């Protein structure tokens, strides 16, 4: 009788430990699912943010190119050195915008690949 009691207690303890292990496993699986969903949501948010930034930078580039056309036009009283200096500064502005657009396109491609 005593041996059966010990066996029942051991069986109960094993069942209890197995139940706790299963619950811990289920909780871990649930946490992983939540984290994956959060990562996906963050990725979508970043993608949308990058697309908005890209749209703004492309508009800025259009404006900078339009300004360059105006800078290159003849202006009464402007010295050739002033014109050359304005063109140089505008070129730098355009190059910076083009680099920012390239970086955003890279970020969008990376976000799309996740």
C-alpha atoms as a PDB file:
ATOM      1  CA  UNK A   1       0.000   0.000   0.000  1.00  0.00           C
ATOM      2  CA  UNK A   2       2.827   2.337   0.888  1.00  0.00           C
ATOM      3  CA  UNK A   3       4.584   1.627  -2.452  1.00  0.00           C
ATOM      4  CA  UNK A   4       1.462   2.525  -4.423  1.00  0.00           C
ATOM      5  CA  UNK A   5       1.148   5.804  -2.540  1.00  0.00           C
ATOM      6  CA  UNK A   6       4.737   6.721  -3.370  1.00  0.00           C
ATOM      7  CA  UNK A   7       4.165   5.710  -7.017  1.00  0.00           C
ATOM      8  CA  UNK A   8       0.964   7.773  -7.207  1.00  0.00           C
ATOM      9  CA  UNK A   9       2.728  10.751  -5.670  1.00  0.00           C
ATOM     10  CA  UNK A  10       5.619  10.381  -8.140  1.00  0.00           C
ATOM     11  CA  UNK A  11       3.178  10.044 -11.059  1.00  0.00           C
ATOM     12  CA  UNK A  12       1.270  13.119  -9.885  1.00  0.00           C
ATOM     13  CA  UNK A  13       4.517  15.093  -9.511  1.00  0.00           C
ATOM     14  CA  UNK A  14       5.615  14.035 -13.017  1.00  0.00           C
ATOM     15  CA  UNK A  15       2.230  15.049 -14.456  1.00  0.00           C
ATOM     16  CA  UNK A  16       2.451  18.375 -12.588  1.00  0.00           C
ATOM     17  CA  UNK A  17       6.001  19.028 -13.847  1.00  0.00           C
ATOM     18  CA  UNK A  18       4.991  18.082 -17.402  1.00  0.00           C
ATOM     19  CA  UNK A  19       2.016  20.456 -17.188  1.00  0.00           C
ATOM     20  CA  UNK A  20       4.253  23.310 -16.059  1.00  0.00           C
ATOM     21  CA  UNK A  21       6.775  22.539 -18.816  1.00  0.00           C
ATOM     22  CA  UNK A  22       3.962  22.535 -21.413  1.00  0.00           C
ATOM     23  CA  UNK A  23       2.590  25.840 -20.078  1.00  0.00           C
ATOM     24  CA  UNK A  24       6.062  27.399 -20.197  1.00  0.00           C
ATOM     25  CA  UNK A  25       6.493  26.131 -23.751  1.00  0.00           C
ATOM     26  CA  UNK A  26       3.070  27.490 -24.767  1.00  0.00           C
ATOM     27  CA  UNK A  27       3.887  30.843 -23.142  1.00  0.00           C
ATOM     28  CA  UNK A  28       7.205  30.981 -25.029  1.00  0.00           C
ATOM     29  CA  UNK A  29       5.489  30.205 -28.327  1.00  0.00           C
ATOM     30  CA  UNK A  30       2.961  32.939 -27.587  1.00  0.00           C
ATOM     31  CA  UNK A  31       5.689  35.468 -26.777  1.00  0.00           C
ATOM     32  CA  UNK A  32       7.529  34.614 -29.996  1.00  0.00           C
ATOM     33  CA  UNK A  33       4.317  35.125 -31.987  1.00  0.00           C
ATOM     34  CA  UNK A  34       3.758  38.516 -30.340  1.00  0.00           C
ATOM     35  CA  UNK A  35       7.373  39.553 -31.016  1.00  0.00           C
ATOM     36  CA  UNK A  36       7.135  38.492 -34.650  1.00  0.00           C
ATOM     37  CA  UNK A  37       3.920  40.496 -35.050  1.00  0.00           C
ATOM     38  CA  UNK A  38       5.581  43.523 -33.431  1.00  0.00           C
ATOM     39  CA  UNK A  39       8.558  43.177 -35.777  1.00  0.00           C
ATOM     40  CA  UNK A  40       6.216  42.973 -38.756  1.00  0.00           C
ATOM     41  CA  UNK A  41       4.244  46.010 -37.575  1.00  0.00           C
ATOM     42  CA  UNK A  42       7.474  47.971 -37.016  1.00  0.00           C
ATOM     43  CA  UNK A  43       8.716  46.979 -40.458  1.00  0.00           C
ATOM     44  CA  UNK A  44       5.466  48.163 -42.072  1.00  0.00           C
ATOM     45  CA  UNK A  45       5.638  51.439 -40.124  1.00  0.00           C
ATOM     46  CA  UNK A  46       9.273  51.963 -41.166  1.00  0.00           C
ATOM     47  CA  UNK A  47       8.439  51.151 -44.772  1.00  0.00           C
ATOM     48  CA  UNK A  48       5.635  53.717 -44.807  1.00  0.00           C
ATOM     49  CA  UNK A  49       7.883  56.298 -43.136  1.00  0.00           C
ATOM     50  CA  UNK A  50      10.656  55.695 -45.704  1.00  0.00           C
ATOM     51  CA  UNK A  51       8.168  56.037 -48.566  1.00  0.00           C
ATOM     52  CA  UNK A  52       6.915  59.360 -47.179  1.00  0.00           C
ATOM     53  CA  UNK A  53      10.484  60.609 -46.729  1.00  0.00           C
ATOM     54  CA  UNK A  54      11.326  59.491 -50.268  1.00  0.00           C
ATOM     55  CA  UNK A  55       8.367  61.393 -51.675  1.00  0.00           C
ATOM     56  CA  UNK A  56       9.521  64.538 -49.839  1.00  0.00           C
ATOM     57  CA  UNK A  57      13.134  64.181 -50.968  1.00  0.00           C
ATOM     58  CA  UNK A  58      12.071  63.690 -54.600  1.00  0.00           C
ATOM     59  CA  UNK A  59      10.016  66.869 -54.366  1.00  0.00           C
ATOM     60  CA  UNK A  60      13.021  68.673 -52.850  1.00  0.00           C
ATOM     61  CA  UNK A  61      15.176  67.397 -55.723  1.00  0.00           C
ATOM     62  CA  UNK A  62      12.659  68.686 -58.290  1.00  0.00           C
ATOM     63  CA  UNK A  63      12.766  72.098 -56.618  1.00  0.00           C
ATOM     64  CA  UNK A  64      16.584  72.060 -56.468  1.00  0.00           C
ATOM     65  CA  UNK A  65      16.805  71.213 -60.168  1.00  0.00           C
ATOM     66  CA  UNK A  66      14.343  74.011 -60.983  1.00  0.00           C
ATOM     67  CA  UNK A  67      16.429  76.406 -58.867  1.00  0.00           C
ATOM     68  CA  UNK A  68      19.541  75.300 -60.752  1.00  0.00           C
ATOM     69  CA  UNK A  69      17.874  76.277 -64.010  1.00  0.00           C
ATOM     70  CA  UNK A  70      17.123  79.710 -62.571  1.00  0.00           C
ATOM     71  CA  UNK A  71      20.681  80.065 -61.248  1.00  0.00           C
ATOM     72  CA  UNK A  72      22.118  79.285 -64.676  1.00  0.00           C
ATOM     73  CA  UNK A  73      20.000  81.970 -66.339  1.00  0.00           C
ATOM     74  CA  UNK A  74      21.499  85.371 -67.043  1.00  0.00           C
ATOM     75  CA  UNK A  75      21.027  87.908 -64.220  1.00  0.00           C
ATOM     76  CA  UNK A  76      21.831  91.560 -64.767  1.00  0.00           C
ATOM     77  CA  UNK A  77      24.550  92.749 -62.428  1.00  0.00           C
ATOM     78  CA  UNK A  78      25.662  89.306 -61.262  1.00  0.00           C
ATOM     79  CA  UNK A  79      29.339  88.579 -61.651  1.00  0.00           C
ATOM     80  CA  UNK A  80      30.402  85.322 -63.371  1.00  0.00           C
ATOM     81  CA  UNK A  81      32.175  84.277 -60.146  1.00  0.00           C
ATOM     82  CA  UNK A  82      28.911  84.723 -58.189  1.00  0.00           C
ATOM     83  CA  UNK A  83      27.091  82.613 -60.753  1.00  0.00           C
ATOM     84  CA  UNK A  84      29.766  79.894 -60.599  1.00  0.00           C
ATOM     85  CA  UNK A  85      29.651  79.912 -56.789  1.00  0.00           C
ATOM     86  CA  UNK A  86      25.833  79.596 -56.784  1.00  0.00           C
ATOM     87  CA  UNK A  87      26.037  76.721 -59.277  1.00  0.00           C
ATOM     88  CA  UNK A  88      28.661  74.970 -57.140  1.00  0.00           C
ATOM     89  CA  UNK A  89      26.487  75.249 -54.003  1.00  0.00           C
ATOM     90  CA  UNK A  90      23.397  74.106 -55.852  1.00  0.00           C
ATOM     91  CA  UNK A  91      25.307  71.130 -57.291  1.00  0.00           C
ATOM     92  CA  UNK A  92      26.257  70.083 -53.746  1.00  0.00           C
ATOM     93  CA  UNK A  93      22.625  70.429 -52.657  1.00  0.00           C
ATOM     94  CA  UNK A  94      21.465  68.274 -55.585  1.00  0.00           C
ATOM     95  CA  UNK A  95      24.145  65.639 -54.956  1.00  0.00           C
ATOM     96  CA  UNK A  96      23.168  65.444 -51.269  1.00  0.00           C
ATOM     97  CA  UNK A  97      19.507  65.000 -52.177  1.00  0.00           C
ATOM     98  CA  UNK A  98      20.377  62.299 -54.719  1.00  0.00           C
ATOM     99  CA  UNK A  99      22.401  60.464 -52.041  1.00  0.00           C
ATOM    100  CA  UNK A 100      19.521  60.727 -49.541  1.00  0.00           C
ATOM    101  CA  UNK A 101      17.124  59.370 -52.183  1.00  0.00           C
ATOM    102  CA  UNK A 102      19.488  56.456 -52.879  1.00  0.00           C
ATOM    103  CA  UNK A 103      19.745  55.693 -49.145  1.00  0.00           C
ATOM    104  CA  UNK A 104      15.960  55.747 -48.771  1.00  0.00           C
ATOM    105  CA  UNK A 105      15.543  53.466 -51.786  1.00  0.00           C
ATOM    106  CA  UNK A 106      18.036  51.064 -50.170  1.00  0.00           C
ATOM    107  CA  UNK A 107      16.108  51.168 -46.880  1.00  0.00           C
ATOM    108  CA  UNK A 108      12.851  50.498 -48.719  1.00  0.00           C
ATOM    109  CA  UNK A 109      14.382  47.552 -50.578  1.00  0.00           C
ATOM    110  CA  UNK A 110      15.748  46.150 -47.313  1.00  0.00           C
ATOM    111  CA  UNK A 111      12.384  46.583 -45.555  1.00  0.00           C
ATOM    112  CA  UNK A 112      10.597  44.911 -48.475  1.00  0.00           C
ATOM    113  CA  UNK A 113      12.907  41.923 -48.264  1.00  0.00           C
ATOM    114  CA  UNK A 114      12.026  41.214 -44.604  1.00  0.00           C
END
